[in-house]
Amino acid sequence: MGTTWIKNADVITLNERGDILHRSDIVISEGRILSIGDTPPGFCADEIIDAADHVVLPGFFNAHTHAPMTLERGWADDLPFDRWLNDRIWVAESADQGRCPLGCLSSRGGDDSLRDRRLC
């Protein structure tokens, strides 16, 4: 994974005080955040990202998702709701058997909950 230094970012912390850290650095090593704010002395990064005029914020979790239904729009729209859900949608979702086709797309948009299918 290596090391990454994100420079000059406006960091939304979501801490109790609602702090926003302006023009701050984030240091990441092997996928773990080492520091937010100042860069440790002597730190050398494999990758440097200049995030000036960009915002960095924690990933979000969608606690109630219908992501699989996104791919099922328009299926059997002529059926009453109970038959549509029981005969078509739930049958299709159960055939998914642990694959969440939208998980990777959701995580690119900031939703971390679908990446490992915990909530699908």
PDB file of N, CA and C in Angstrom:
ATOM      1  N   MET A   1       0.823  -1.203   0.000  1.00  0.00           N
ATOM      2  CA  MET A   1       0.000   0.000   0.000  1.00  0.00           C
ATOM      3  C   MET A   1       0.861   1.259   0.000  1.00  0.00           C
ATOM      4  N   GLY A   2       1.926   1.266   0.716  1.00  0.00           N
ATOM      5  CA  GLY A   2       2.816   2.408   0.699  1.00  0.00           C
ATOM      6  C   GLY A   2       2.340   3.545   1.574  1.00  0.00           C
ATOM      7  N   THR A   3       2.887   4.742   1.273  1.00  0.00           N
ATOM      8  CA  THR A   3       2.572   5.926   2.060  1.00  0.00           C
ATOM      9  C   THR A   3       2.023   7.024   1.164  1.00  0.00           C
ATOM     10  N   THR A   4       1.094   7.787   1.732  1.00  0.00           N
ATOM     11  CA  THR A   4       0.472   8.884   0.997  1.00  0.00           C
ATOM     12  C   THR A   4       0.454  10.122   1.877  1.00  0.00           C
ATOM     13  N   TRP A   5       0.749  11.253   1.264  1.00  0.00           N
ATOM     14  CA  TRP A   5       0.703  12.536   1.945  1.00  0.00           C
ATOM     15  C   TRP A   5      -0.290  13.415   1.195  1.00  0.00           C
ATOM     16  N   ILE A   6      -1.421  13.713   1.835  1.00  0.00           N
ATOM     17  CA  ILE A   6      -2.424  14.602   1.265  1.00  0.00           C
ATOM     18  C   ILE A   6      -2.169  15.987   1.866  1.00  0.00           C
ATOM     19  N   LYS A   7      -1.841  16.940   1.008  1.00  0.00           N
ATOM     20  CA  LYS A   7      -1.442  18.267   1.466  1.00  0.00           C
ATOM     21  C   LYS A   7      -2.534  19.302   1.220  1.00  0.00           C
ATOM     22  N   ASN A   8      -2.598  20.265   2.119  1.00  0.00           N
ATOM     23  CA  ASN A   8      -3.412  21.478   1.924  1.00  0.00           C
ATOM     24  C   ASN A   8      -4.916  21.243   1.854  1.00  0.00           C
ATOM     25  N   ALA A   9      -5.412  20.192   2.442  1.00  0.00           N
ATOM     26  CA  ALA A   9      -6.844  19.871   2.380  1.00  0.00           C
ATOM     27  C   ALA A   9      -7.621  20.618   3.455  1.00  0.00           C
ATOM     28  N   ASP A  10      -8.876  20.907   3.159  1.00  0.00           N
ATOM     29  CA  ASP A  10      -9.805  21.334   4.198  1.00  0.00           C
ATOM     30  C   ASP A  10     -10.461  20.061   4.718  1.00  0.00           C
ATOM     31  N   VAL A  11     -10.206  19.743   5.991  1.00  0.00           N
ATOM     32  CA  VAL A  11     -10.628  18.469   6.569  1.00  0.00           C
ATOM     33  C   VAL A  11     -11.845  18.689   7.459  1.00  0.00           C
ATOM     34  N   ILE A  12     -12.937  18.024   7.120  1.00  0.00           N
ATOM     35  CA  ILE A  12     -14.135  18.041   7.962  1.00  0.00           C
ATOM     36  C   ILE A  12     -14.007  16.857   8.914  1.00  0.00           C
ATOM     37  N   THR A  13     -13.922  17.145  10.201  1.00  0.00           N
ATOM     38  CA  THR A  13     -13.591  16.101  11.173  1.00  0.00           C
ATOM     39  C   THR A  13     -14.795  15.323  11.693  1.00  0.00           C
ATOM     40  N   LEU A  14     -15.953  15.923  11.741  1.00  0.00           N
ATOM     41  CA  LEU A  14     -17.144  15.322  12.355  1.00  0.00           C
ATOM     42  C   LEU A  14     -16.914  14.988  13.826  1.00  0.00           C
ATOM     43  N   ASN A  15     -16.008  15.705  14.475  1.00  0.00           N
ATOM     44  CA  ASN A  15     -15.823  15.501  15.912  1.00  0.00           C
ATOM     45  C   ASN A  15     -16.923  16.250  16.678  1.00  0.00           C
ATOM     46  N   GLU A  16     -16.887  16.177  18.008  1.00  0.00           N
ATOM     47  CA  GLU A  16     -17.947  16.763  18.827  1.00  0.00           C
ATOM     48  C   GLU A  16     -18.085  18.267  18.620  1.00  0.00           C
ATOM     49  N   ARG A  17     -16.981  18.950  18.314  1.00  0.00           N
ATOM     50  CA  ARG A  17     -16.998  20.402  18.141  1.00  0.00           C
ATOM     51  C   ARG A  17     -17.302  20.824  16.709  1.00  0.00           C
ATOM     52  N   GLY A  18     -17.328  19.881  15.789  1.00  0.00           N
ATOM     53  CA  GLY A  18     -17.577  20.203  14.389  1.00  0.00           C
ATOM     54  C   GLY A  18     -16.426  20.942  13.732  1.00  0.00           C
ATOM     55  N   ASP A  19     -15.203  20.646  14.166  1.00  0.00           N
ATOM     56  CA  ASP A  19     -14.026  21.335  13.641  1.00  0.00           C
ATOM     57  C   ASP A  19     -13.829  21.090  12.153  1.00  0.00           C
ATOM     58  N   ILE A  20     -13.403  22.127  11.476  1.00  0.00           N
ATOM     59  CA  ILE A  20     -12.936  22.036  10.093  1.00  0.00           C
ATOM     60  C   ILE A  20     -11.500  22.530  10.100  1.00  0.00           C
ATOM     61  N   LEU A  21     -10.591  21.692   9.668  1.00  0.00           N
ATOM     62  CA  LEU A  21      -9.174  22.025   9.649  1.00  0.00           C
ATOM     63  C   LEU A  21      -8.808  22.517   8.259  1.00  0.00           C
ATOM     64  N   HIS A  22      -8.455  23.787   8.165  1.00  0.00           N
ATOM     65  CA  HIS A  22      -8.149  24.382   6.869  1.00  0.00           C
ATOM     66  C   HIS A  22      -6.684  24.192   6.508  1.00  0.00           C
ATOM     67  N   ARG A  23      -6.438  23.902   5.218  1.00  0.00           N
ATOM     68  CA  ARG A  23      -5.089  23.727   4.673  1.00  0.00           C
ATOM     69  C   ARG A  23      -4.257  22.789   5.550  1.00  0.00           C
ATOM     70  N   SER A  24      -4.829  21.648   5.853  1.00  0.00           N
ATOM     71  CA  SER A  24      -4.183  20.647   6.713  1.00  0.00           C
ATOM     72  C   SER A  24      -3.624  19.510   5.886  1.00  0.00           C
ATOM     73  N   ASP A  25      -2.729  18.778   6.493  1.00  0.00           N
ATOM     74  CA  ASP A  25      -2.128  17.605   5.861  1.00  0.00           C
ATOM     75  C   ASP A  25      -2.664  16.338   6.496  1.00  0.00           C
ATOM     76  N   ILE A  26      -2.733  15.296   5.701  1.00  0.00           N
ATOM     77  CA  ILE A  26      -3.116  13.965   6.190  1.00  0.00           C
ATOM     78  C   ILE A  26      -2.016  13.013   5.743  1.00  0.00           C
ATOM     79  N   VAL A  27      -1.511  12.251   6.682  1.00  0.00           N
ATOM     80  CA  VAL A  27      -0.441  11.304   6.385  1.00  0.00           C
ATOM     81  C   VAL A  27      -0.990   9.889   6.568  1.00  0.00           C
ATOM     82  N   ILE A  28      -0.835   9.071   5.522  1.00  0.00           N
ATOM     83  CA  ILE A  28      -1.375   7.704   5.517  1.00  0.00           C
ATOM     84  C   ILE A  28      -0.234   6.734   5.234  1.00  0.00           C
ATOM     85  N   SER A  29      -0.176   5.669   6.011  1.00  0.00           N
ATOM     86  CA  SER A  29       0.827   4.630   5.780  1.00  0.00           C
ATOM     87  C   SER A  29       0.164   3.268   5.863  1.00  0.00           C
ATOM     88  N   GLU A  30       0.351   2.476   4.821  1.00  0.00           N
ATOM     89  CA  GLU A  30      -0.208   1.120   4.760  1.00  0.00           C
ATOM     90  C   GLU A  30      -1.712   1.114   5.037  1.00  0.00           C
ATOM     91  N   GLY A  31      -2.414   2.108   4.500  1.00  0.00           N
ATOM     92  CA  GLY A  31      -3.865   2.155   4.623  1.00  0.00           C
ATOM     93  C   GLY A  31      -4.385   2.701   5.935  1.00  0.00           C
ATOM     94  N   ARG A  32      -3.521   3.176   6.803  1.00  0.00           N
ATOM     95  CA  ARG A  32      -3.942   3.720   8.105  1.00  0.00           C
ATOM     96  C   ARG A  32      -3.529   5.173   8.216  1.00  0.00           C
ATOM     97  N   ILE A  33      -4.405   5.995   8.761  1.00  0.00           N
ATOM     98  CA  ILE A  33      -4.088   7.409   8.956  1.00  0.00           C
ATOM     99  C   ILE A  33      -3.112   7.529  10.120  1.00  0.00           C
ATOM    100  N   LEU A  34      -1.966   8.141   9.862  1.00  0.00           N
ATOM    101  CA  LEU A  34      -0.960   8.364  10.908  1.00  0.00           C
ATOM    102  C   LEU A  34      -1.149   9.712  11.588  1.00  0.00           C
ATOM    103  N   SER A  35      -1.504  10.724  10.810  1.00  0.00           N
ATOM    104  CA  SER A  35      -1.694  12.042  11.411  1.00  0.00           C
ATOM    105  C   SER A  35      -2.596  12.894  10.534  1.00  0.00           C
ATOM    106  N   ILE A  36      -3.271  13.817  11.200  1.00  0.00           N
ATOM    107  CA  ILE A  36      -4.076  14.831  10.526  1.00  0.00           C
ATOM    108  C   ILE A  36      -3.654  16.163  11.125  1.00  0.00           C
ATOM    109  N   GLY A  37      -3.312  17.082  10.299  1.00  0.00           N
ATOM    110  CA  GLY A  37      -2.846  18.384  10.758  1.00  0.00           C
ATOM    111  C   GLY A  37      -1.459  18.644  10.224  1.00  0.00           C
ATOM    112  N   ASP A  38      -0.474  18.332  11.028  1.00  0.00           N
ATOM    113  CA  ASP A  38       0.918  18.527  10.631  1.00  0.00           C
ATOM    114  C   ASP A  38       1.529  17.216  10.177  1.00  0.00           C
ATOM    115  N   THR A  39       2.459  17.315   9.250  1.00  0.00           N
ATOM    116  CA  THR A  39       3.177  16.141   8.759  1.00  0.00           C
ATOM    117  C   THR A  39       4.332  15.835   9.706  1.00  0.00           C
ATOM    118  N   PRO A  40       4.493  14.575  10.112  1.00  0.00           N
ATOM    119  CA  PRO A  40       5.612  14.227  10.996  1.00  0.00           C
ATOM    120  C   PRO A  40       6.950  14.622  10.370  1.00  0.00           C
ATOM    121  N   PRO A  41       7.895  15.117  11.179  1.00  0.00           N
ATOM    122  CA  PRO A  41       9.196  15.498  10.632  1.00  0.00           C
ATOM    123  C   PRO A  41       9.869  14.324   9.930  1.00  0.00           C
ATOM    124  N   GLY A  42      10.429  14.594   8.772  1.00  0.00           N
ATOM    125  CA  GLY A  42      11.155  13.575   8.036  1.00  0.00           C
ATOM    126  C   GLY A  42      10.290  12.595   7.269  1.00  0.00           C
ATOM    127  N   PHE A  43       8.969  12.798   7.263  1.00  0.00           N
ATOM    128  CA  PHE A  43       8.092  11.870   6.554  1.00  0.00           C
ATOM    129  C   PHE A  43       8.353  11.947   5.056  1.00  0.00           C
ATOM    130  N   CYS A  44       8.481  10.811   4.433  1.00  0.00           N
ATOM    131  CA  CYS A  44       8.704  10.721   2.990  1.00  0.00           C
ATOM    132  C   CYS A  44       7.599   9.832   2.408  1.00  0.00           C
ATOM    133  N   ALA A  45       6.837  10.387   1.473  1.00  0.00           N
ATOM    134  CA  ALA A  45       5.674   9.672   0.932  1.00  0.00           C
ATOM    135  C   ALA A  45       5.957   9.089  -0.440  1.00  0.00           C
ATOM    136  N   ASP A  46       5.323   7.932  -0.707  1.00  0.00           N
ATOM    137  CA  ASP A  46       5.355   7.348  -2.050  1.00  0.00           C
ATOM    138  C   ASP A  46       4.513   8.170  -3.019  1.00  0.00           C
ATOM    139  N   GLU A  47       3.438   8.753  -2.491  1.00  0.00           N
ATOM    140  CA  GLU A  47       2.523   9.544  -3.314  1.00  0.00           C
ATOM    141  C   GLU A  47       2.169  10.823  -2.571  1.00  0.00           C
ATOM    142  N   ILE A  48       2.198  11.939  -3.256  1.00  0.00           N
ATOM    143  CA  ILE A  48       1.813  13.225  -2.680  1.00  0.00           C
ATOM    144  C   ILE A  48       0.630  13.759  -3.483  1.00  0.00           C
ATOM    145  N   ILE A  49      -0.425  14.121  -2.770  1.00  0.00           N
ATOM    146  CA  ILE A  49      -1.634  14.656  -3.406  1.00  0.00           C
ATOM    147  C   ILE A  49      -1.833  16.071  -2.910  1.00  0.00           C
ATOM    148  N   ASP A  50      -1.860  17.020  -3.816  1.00  0.00           N
ATOM    149  CA  ASP A  50      -2.146  18.402  -3.438  1.00  0.00           C
ATOM    150  C   ASP A  50      -3.656  18.578  -3.461  1.00  0.00           C
ATOM    151  N   ALA A  51      -4.239  18.731  -2.281  1.00  0.00           N
ATOM    152  CA  ALA A  51      -5.694  18.818  -2.161  1.00  0.00           C
ATOM    153  C   ALA A  51      -6.152  20.252  -1.922  1.00  0.00           C
ATOM    154  N   ALA A  52      -5.353  21.223  -2.349  1.00  0.00           N
ATOM    155  CA  ALA A  52      -5.770  22.625  -2.227  1.00  0.00           C
ATOM    156  C   ALA A  52      -7.111  22.801  -2.934  1.00  0.00           C
ATOM    157  N   ASP A  53      -7.989  23.544  -2.301  1.00  0.00           N
ATOM    158  CA  ASP A  53      -9.341  23.786  -2.822  1.00  0.00           C
ATOM    159  C   ASP A  53     -10.185  22.519  -2.881  1.00  0.00           C
ATOM    160  N   HIS A  54      -9.828  21.510  -2.078  1.00  0.00           N
ATOM    161  CA  HIS A  54     -10.614  20.282  -1.986  1.00  0.00           C
ATOM    162  C   HIS A  54     -10.936  20.000  -0.518  1.00  0.00           C
ATOM    163  N   VAL A  55     -11.978  19.239  -0.311  1.00  0.00           N
ATOM    164  CA  VAL A  55     -12.427  18.873   1.028  1.00  0.00           C
ATOM    165  C   VAL A  55     -12.201  17.387   1.231  1.00  0.00           C
ATOM    166  N   VAL A  56     -11.745  17.015   2.423  1.00  0.00           N
ATOM    167  CA  VAL A  56     -11.601  15.615   2.805  1.00  0.00           C
ATOM    168  C   VAL A  56     -12.520  15.377   3.996  1.00  0.00           C
ATOM    169  N   LEU A  57     -13.312  14.311   3.934  1.00  0.00           N
ATOM    170  CA  LEU A  57     -14.215  13.995   5.022  1.00  0.00           C
ATOM    171  C   LEU A  57     -14.310  12.490   5.194  1.00  0.00           C
ATOM    172  N   PRO A  58     -14.758  12.053   6.363  1.00  0.00           N
ATOM    173  CA  PRO A  58     -14.868  10.606   6.603  1.00  0.00           C
ATOM    174  C   PRO A  58     -15.854   9.957   5.645  1.00  0.00           C
ATOM    175  N   GLY A  59     -15.676   8.660   5.422  1.00  0.00           N
ATOM    176  CA  GLY A  59     -16.630   7.902   4.631  1.00  0.00           C
ATOM    177  C   GLY A  59     -17.955   7.812   5.360  1.00  0.00           C
ATOM    178  N   PHE A  60     -19.022   7.651   4.607  1.00  0.00           N
ATOM    179  CA  PHE A  60     -20.344   7.567   5.203  1.00  0.00           C
ATOM    180  C   PHE A  60     -20.880   6.140   5.108  1.00  0.00           C
ATOM    181  N   PHE A  61     -21.829   5.819   5.975  1.00  0.00           N
ATOM    182  CA  PHE A  61     -22.453   4.509   5.981  1.00  0.00           C
ATOM    183  C   PHE A  61     -23.943   4.670   5.762  1.00  0.00           C
ATOM    184  N   ASN A  62     -24.442   3.993   4.759  1.00  0.00           N
ATOM    185  CA  ASN A  62     -25.857   3.995   4.459  1.00  0.00           C
ATOM    186  C   ASN A  62     -26.487   2.896   5.313  1.00  0.00           C
ATOM    187  N   ALA A  63     -27.204   3.296   6.339  1.00  0.00           N
ATOM    188  CA  ALA A  63     -27.746   2.324   7.288  1.00  0.00           C
ATOM    189  C   ALA A  63     -28.968   1.575   6.764  1.00  0.00           C
ATOM    190  N   HIS A  64     -29.561   2.058   5.699  1.00  0.00           N
ATOM    191  CA  HIS A  64     -30.741   1.382   5.136  1.00  0.00           C
ATOM    192  C   HIS A  64     -30.675   1.550   3.622  1.00  0.00           C
ATOM    193  N   THR A  65     -30.296   0.511   2.940  1.00  0.00           N
ATOM    194  CA  THR A  65     -30.063   0.657   1.505  1.00  0.00           C
ATOM    195  C   THR A  65     -30.960  -0.239   0.666  1.00  0.00           C
ATOM    196  N   HIS A  66     -31.236   0.228  -0.515  1.00  0.00           N
ATOM    197  CA  HIS A  66     -31.956  -0.546  -1.517  1.00  0.00           C
ATOM    198  C   HIS A  66     -31.127  -0.590  -2.789  1.00  0.00           C
ATOM    199  N   ALA A  67     -29.824  -0.673  -2.634  1.00  0.00           N
ATOM    200  CA  ALA A  67     -28.916  -0.623  -3.778  1.00  0.00           C
ATOM    201  C   ALA A  67     -29.232  -1.679  -4.843  1.00  0.00           C
ATOM    202  N   PRO A  68     -29.510  -2.936  -4.486  1.00  0.00           N
ATOM    203  CA  PRO A  68     -29.797  -3.910  -5.543  1.00  0.00           C
ATOM    204  C   PRO A  68     -31.010  -3.530  -6.390  1.00  0.00           C
ATOM    205  N   MET A  69     -31.970  -2.840  -5.795  1.00  0.00           N
ATOM    206  CA  MET A  69     -33.172  -2.464  -6.539  1.00  0.00           C
ATOM    207  C   MET A  69     -32.871  -1.449  -7.633  1.00  0.00           C
ATOM    208  N   THR A  70     -31.733  -0.775  -7.558  1.00  0.00           N
ATOM    209  CA  THR A  70     -31.361   0.171  -8.610  1.00  0.00           C
ATOM    210  C   THR A  70     -31.259  -0.538  -9.949  1.00  0.00           C
ATOM    211  N   LEU A  71     -30.748  -1.774  -9.925  1.00  0.00           N
ATOM    212  CA  LEU A  71     -30.615  -2.542 -11.155  1.00  0.00           C
ATOM    213  C   LEU A  71     -31.928  -3.196 -11.582  1.00  0.00           C
ATOM    214  N   GLU A  72     -32.932  -3.122 -10.720  1.00  0.00           N
ATOM    215  CA  GLU A  72     -34.204  -3.789 -10.998  1.00  0.00           C
ATOM    216  C   GLU A  72     -35.316  -2.809 -11.359  1.00  0.00           C
ATOM    217  N   ARG A  73     -34.972  -1.563 -11.585  1.00  0.00           N
ATOM    218  CA  ARG A  73     -35.990  -0.578 -11.968  1.00  0.00           C
ATOM    219  C   ARG A  73     -36.647  -0.984 -13.274  1.00  0.00           C
ATOM    220  N   GLY A  74     -37.955  -0.877 -13.289  1.00  0.00           N
ATOM    221  CA  GLY A  74     -38.699  -1.173 -14.503  1.00  0.00           C
ATOM    222  C   GLY A  74     -39.112  -2.635 -14.641  1.00  0.00           C
ATOM    223  N   TRP A  75     -38.666  -3.499 -13.738  1.00  0.00           N
ATOM    224  CA  TRP A  75     -39.030  -4.915 -13.819  1.00  0.00           C
ATOM    225  C   TRP A  75     -40.455  -5.090 -13.325  1.00  0.00           C
ATOM    226  N   ALA A  76     -41.293  -5.638 -14.126  1.00  0.00           N
ATOM    227  CA  ALA A  76     -42.647  -6.041 -13.730  1.00  0.00           C
ATOM    228  C   ALA A  76     -43.418  -4.905 -13.089  1.00  0.00           C
ATOM    229  N   ASP A  77     -43.288  -3.720 -13.652  1.00  0.00           N
ATOM    230  CA  ASP A  77     -43.991  -2.565 -13.095  1.00  0.00           C
ATOM    231  C   ASP A  77     -45.504  -2.672 -13.199  1.00  0.00           C
ATOM    232  N   ASP A  78     -45.985  -3.623 -13.991  1.00  0.00           N
ATOM    233  CA  ASP A  78     -47.419  -3.778 -14.159  1.00  0.00           C
ATOM    234  C   ASP A  78     -48.049  -4.607 -13.038  1.00  0.00           C
ATOM    235  N   LEU A  79     -47.252  -5.170 -12.151  1.00  0.00           N
ATOM    236  CA  LEU A  79     -47.770  -6.007 -11.071  1.00  0.00           C
ATOM    237  C   LEU A  79     -48.156  -5.172  -9.857  1.00  0.00           C
ATOM    238  N   PRO A  80     -49.111  -5.655  -9.056  1.00  0.00           N
ATOM    239  CA  PRO A  80     -49.393  -5.010  -7.770  1.00  0.00           C
ATOM    240  C   PRO A  80     -48.143  -5.090  -6.890  1.00  0.00           C
ATOM    241  N   PHE A  81     -48.032  -4.164  -5.960  1.00  0.00           N
ATOM    242  CA  PHE A  81     -46.820  -4.051  -5.152  1.00  0.00           C
ATOM    243  C   PHE A  81     -46.425  -5.371  -4.483  1.00  0.00           C
ATOM    244  N   ASP A  82     -47.368  -6.057  -3.839  1.00  0.00           N
ATOM    245  CA  ASP A  82     -47.014  -7.283  -3.115  1.00  0.00           C
ATOM    246  C   ASP A  82     -46.469  -8.362  -4.061  1.00  0.00           C
ATOM    247  N   ARG A  83     -47.048  -8.499  -5.239  1.00  0.00           N
ATOM    248  CA  ARG A  83     -46.541  -9.494  -6.201  1.00  0.00           C
ATOM    249  C   ARG A  83     -45.210  -9.049  -6.796  1.00  0.00           C
ATOM    250  N   TRP A  84     -45.078  -7.758  -7.061  1.00  0.00           N
ATOM    251  CA  TRP A  84     -43.818  -7.219  -7.585  1.00  0.00           C
ATOM    252  C   TRP A  84     -42.677  -7.517  -6.608  1.00  0.00           C
ATOM    253  N   LEU A  85     -42.933  -7.261  -5.331  1.00  0.00           N
ATOM    254  CA  LEU A  85     -41.900  -7.470  -4.321  1.00  0.00           C
ATOM    255  C   LEU A  85     -41.640  -8.951  -4.086  1.00  0.00           C
ATOM    256  N   ASN A  86     -42.686  -9.724  -3.844  1.00  0.00           N
ATOM    257  CA  ASN A  86     -42.525 -11.143  -3.495  1.00  0.00           C
ATOM    258  C   ASN A  86     -42.141 -12.036  -4.667  1.00  0.00           C
ATOM    259  N   ASP A  87     -42.714 -11.784  -5.833  1.00  0.00           N
ATOM    260  CA  ASP A  87     -42.488 -12.673  -6.968  1.00  0.00           C
ATOM    261  C   ASP A  87     -41.308 -12.279  -7.840  1.00  0.00           C
ATOM    262  N   ARG A  88     -40.922 -11.016  -7.820  1.00  0.00           N
ATOM    263  CA  ARG A  88     -39.862 -10.568  -8.727  1.00  0.00           C
ATOM    264  C   ARG A  88     -38.624 -10.055  -7.994  1.00  0.00           C
ATOM    265  N   ILE A  89     -38.803  -9.053  -7.171  1.00  0.00           N
ATOM    266  CA  ILE A  89     -37.648  -8.367  -6.580  1.00  0.00           C
ATOM    267  C   ILE A  89     -36.920  -9.258  -5.585  1.00  0.00           C
ATOM    268  N   TRP A  90     -37.624  -9.811  -4.619  1.00  0.00           N
ATOM    269  CA  TRP A  90     -36.936 -10.638  -3.624  1.00  0.00           C
ATOM    270  C   TRP A  90     -36.340 -11.895  -4.245  1.00  0.00           C
ATOM    271  N   VAL A  91     -36.982 -12.435  -5.239  1.00  0.00           N
ATOM    272  CA  VAL A  91     -36.439 -13.600  -5.944  1.00  0.00           C
ATOM    273  C   VAL A  91     -35.115 -13.218  -6.620  1.00  0.00           C
ATOM    274  N   ALA A  92     -35.101 -12.084  -7.291  1.00  0.00           N
ATOM    275  CA  ALA A  92     -33.873 -11.640  -7.969  1.00  0.00           C
ATOM    276  C   ALA A  92     -32.769 -11.330  -6.958  1.00  0.00           C
ATOM    277  N   GLU A  93     -33.115 -10.680  -5.858  1.00  0.00           N
ATOM    278  CA  GLU A  93     -32.102 -10.363  -4.850  1.00  0.00           C
ATOM    279  C   GLU A  93     -31.540 -11.618  -4.194  1.00  0.00           C
ATOM    280  N   SER A  94     -32.374 -12.617  -3.955  1.00  0.00           N
ATOM    281  CA  SER A  94     -31.874 -13.841  -3.324  1.00  0.00           C
ATOM    282  C   SER A  94     -30.944 -14.599  -4.266  1.00  0.00           C
ATOM    283  N   ALA A  95     -31.126 -14.436  -5.566  1.00  0.00           N
ATOM    284  CA  ALA A  95     -30.242 -15.081  -6.540  1.00  0.00           C
ATOM    285  C   ALA A  95     -28.863 -14.430  -6.560  1.00  0.00           C
ATOM    286  N   ASP A  96     -28.757 -13.235  -5.984  1.00  0.00           N
ATOM    287  CA  ASP A  96     -27.482 -12.507  -5.949  1.00  0.00           C
ATOM    288  C   ASP A  96     -26.436 -13.272  -5.135  1.00  0.00           C
ATOM    289  N   GLN A  97     -26.842 -13.973  -4.104  1.00  0.00           N
ATOM    290  CA  GLN A  97     -25.982 -14.862  -3.305  1.00  0.00           C
ATOM    291  C   GLN A  97     -24.653 -14.243  -2.893  1.00  0.00           C
ATOM    292  N   GLY A  98     -24.714 -13.057  -2.273  1.00  0.00           N
ATOM    293  CA  GLY A  98     -23.506 -12.485  -1.703  1.00  0.00           C
ATOM    294  C   GLY A  98     -22.753 -11.523  -2.594  1.00  0.00           C
ATOM    295  N   ARG A  99     -23.163 -11.365  -3.828  1.00  0.00           N
ATOM    296  CA  ARG A  99     -22.502 -10.385  -4.694  1.00  0.00           C
ATOM    297  C   ARG A  99     -23.312  -9.096  -4.635  1.00  0.00           C
ATOM    298  N   CYS A 100     -22.667  -8.012  -4.462  1.00  0.00           N
ATOM    299  CA  CYS A 100     -23.363  -6.730  -4.453  1.00  0.00           C
ATOM    300  C   CYS A 100     -22.838  -5.908  -5.613  1.00  0.00           C
ATOM    301  N   PRO A 101     -23.517  -5.913  -6.744  1.00  0.00           N
ATOM    302  CA  PRO A 101     -22.990  -5.274  -7.945  1.00  0.00           C
ATOM    303  C   PRO A 101     -22.777  -3.775  -7.814  1.00  0.00           C
ATOM    304  N   LEU A 102     -23.456  -3.141  -6.880  1.00  0.00           N
ATOM    305  CA  LEU A 102     -23.298  -1.702  -6.745  1.00  0.00           C
ATOM    306  C   LEU A 102     -22.328  -1.326  -5.641  1.00  0.00           C
ATOM    307  N   GLY A 103     -21.785  -2.295  -4.940  1.00  0.00           N
ATOM    308  CA  GLY A 103     -20.882  -2.001  -3.825  1.00  0.00           C
ATOM    309  C   GLY A 103     -19.690  -1.168  -4.231  1.00  0.00           C
ATOM    310  N   CYS A 104     -19.047  -1.540  -5.309  1.00  0.00           N
ATOM    311  CA  CYS A 104     -17.864  -0.784  -5.722  1.00  0.00           C
ATOM    312  C   CYS A 104     -18.243   0.611  -6.184  1.00  0.00           C
ATOM    313  N   LEU A 105     -19.385   0.775  -6.816  1.00  0.00           N
ATOM    314  CA  LEU A 105     -19.797   2.107  -7.251  1.00  0.00           C
ATOM    315  C   LEU A 105     -20.171   2.978  -6.066  1.00  0.00           C
ATOM    316  N   SER A 106     -20.823   2.409  -5.074  1.00  0.00           N
ATOM    317  CA  SER A 106     -21.218   3.178  -3.906  1.00  0.00           C
ATOM    318  C   SER A 106     -20.003   3.659  -3.137  1.00  0.00           C
ATOM    319  N   SER A 107     -18.995   2.810  -3.016  1.00  0.00           N
ATOM    320  CA  SER A 107     -17.818   3.213  -2.251  1.00  0.00           C
ATOM    321  C   SER A 107     -17.072   4.334  -2.955  1.00  0.00           C
ATOM    322  N   ARG A 108     -17.130   4.390  -4.289  1.00  0.00           N
ATOM    323  CA  ARG A 108     -16.494   5.494  -5.007  1.00  0.00           C
ATOM    324  C   ARG A 108     -17.200   6.804  -4.699  1.00  0.00           C
ATOM    325  N   GLY A 109     -18.458   6.727  -4.326  1.00  0.00           N
ATOM    326  CA  GLY A 109     -19.210   7.929  -4.001  1.00  0.00           C
ATOM    327  C   GLY A 109     -19.157   8.288  -2.530  1.00  0.00           C
ATOM    328  N   GLY A 110     -18.402   7.565  -1.739  1.00  0.00           N
ATOM    329  CA  GLY A 110     -18.252   7.885  -0.328  1.00  0.00           C
ATOM    330  C   GLY A 110     -19.016   7.001   0.623  1.00  0.00           C
ATOM    331  N   ASP A 111     -19.777   6.058   0.122  1.00  0.00           N
ATOM    332  CA  ASP A 111     -20.540   5.158   0.983  1.00  0.00           C
ATOM    333  C   ASP A 111     -19.713   3.905   1.207  1.00  0.00           C
ATOM    334  N   ASP A 112     -19.148   3.770   2.410  1.00  0.00           N
ATOM    335  CA  ASP A 112     -18.273   2.640   2.712  1.00  0.00           C
ATOM    336  C   ASP A 112     -19.016   1.372   3.116  1.00  0.00           C
ATOM    337  N   SER A 113     -20.319   1.460   3.370  1.00  0.00           N
ATOM    338  CA  SER A 113     -21.037   0.309   3.922  1.00  0.00           C
ATOM    339  C   SER A 113     -21.240  -0.822   2.935  1.00  0.00           C
ATOM    340  N   LEU A 114     -21.229  -0.561   1.631  1.00  0.00           N
ATOM    341  CA  LEU A 114     -21.515  -1.607   0.668  1.00  0.00           C
ATOM    342  C   LEU A 114     -20.278  -2.324   0.168  1.00  0.00           C
ATOM    343  N   ARG A 115     -19.108  -1.801   0.465  1.00  0.00           N
ATOM    344  CA  ARG A 115     -17.895  -2.374  -0.094  1.00  0.00           C
ATOM    345  C   ARG A 115     -17.742  -3.843   0.269  1.00  0.00           C
ATOM    346  N   ASP A 116     -18.115  -4.213   1.489  1.00  0.00           N
ATOM    347  CA  ASP A 116     -17.980  -5.618   1.878  1.00  0.00           C
ATOM    348  C   ASP A 116     -19.337  -6.282   2.069  1.00  0.00           C
ATOM    349  N   ARG A 117     -20.392  -5.683   1.588  1.00  0.00           N
ATOM    350  CA  ARG A 117     -21.763  -6.218   1.588  1.00  0.00           C
ATOM    351  C   ARG A 117     -22.337  -6.408   2.983  1.00  0.00           C
ATOM    352  N   ARG A 118     -21.859  -5.682   3.968  1.00  0.00           N
ATOM    353  CA  ARG A 118     -22.409  -5.818   5.301  1.00  0.00           C
ATOM    354  C   ARG A 118     -23.879  -5.441   5.356  1.00  0.00           C
ATOM    355  N   LEU A 119     -24.276  -4.479   4.566  1.00  0.00           N
ATOM    356  CA  LEU A 119     -25.648  -3.982   4.671  1.00  0.00           C
ATOM    357  C   LEU A 119     -26.508  -4.289   3.467  1.00  0.00           C
ATOM    358  N   CYS A 120     -25.965  -4.928   2.435  1.00  0.00           N
ATOM    359  CA  CYS A 120     -26.785  -5.272   1.262  1.00  0.00           C
ATOM    360  C   CYS A 120     -27.675  -6.439   1.585  1.00  0.00           C
TER     361      CYS A 120
END
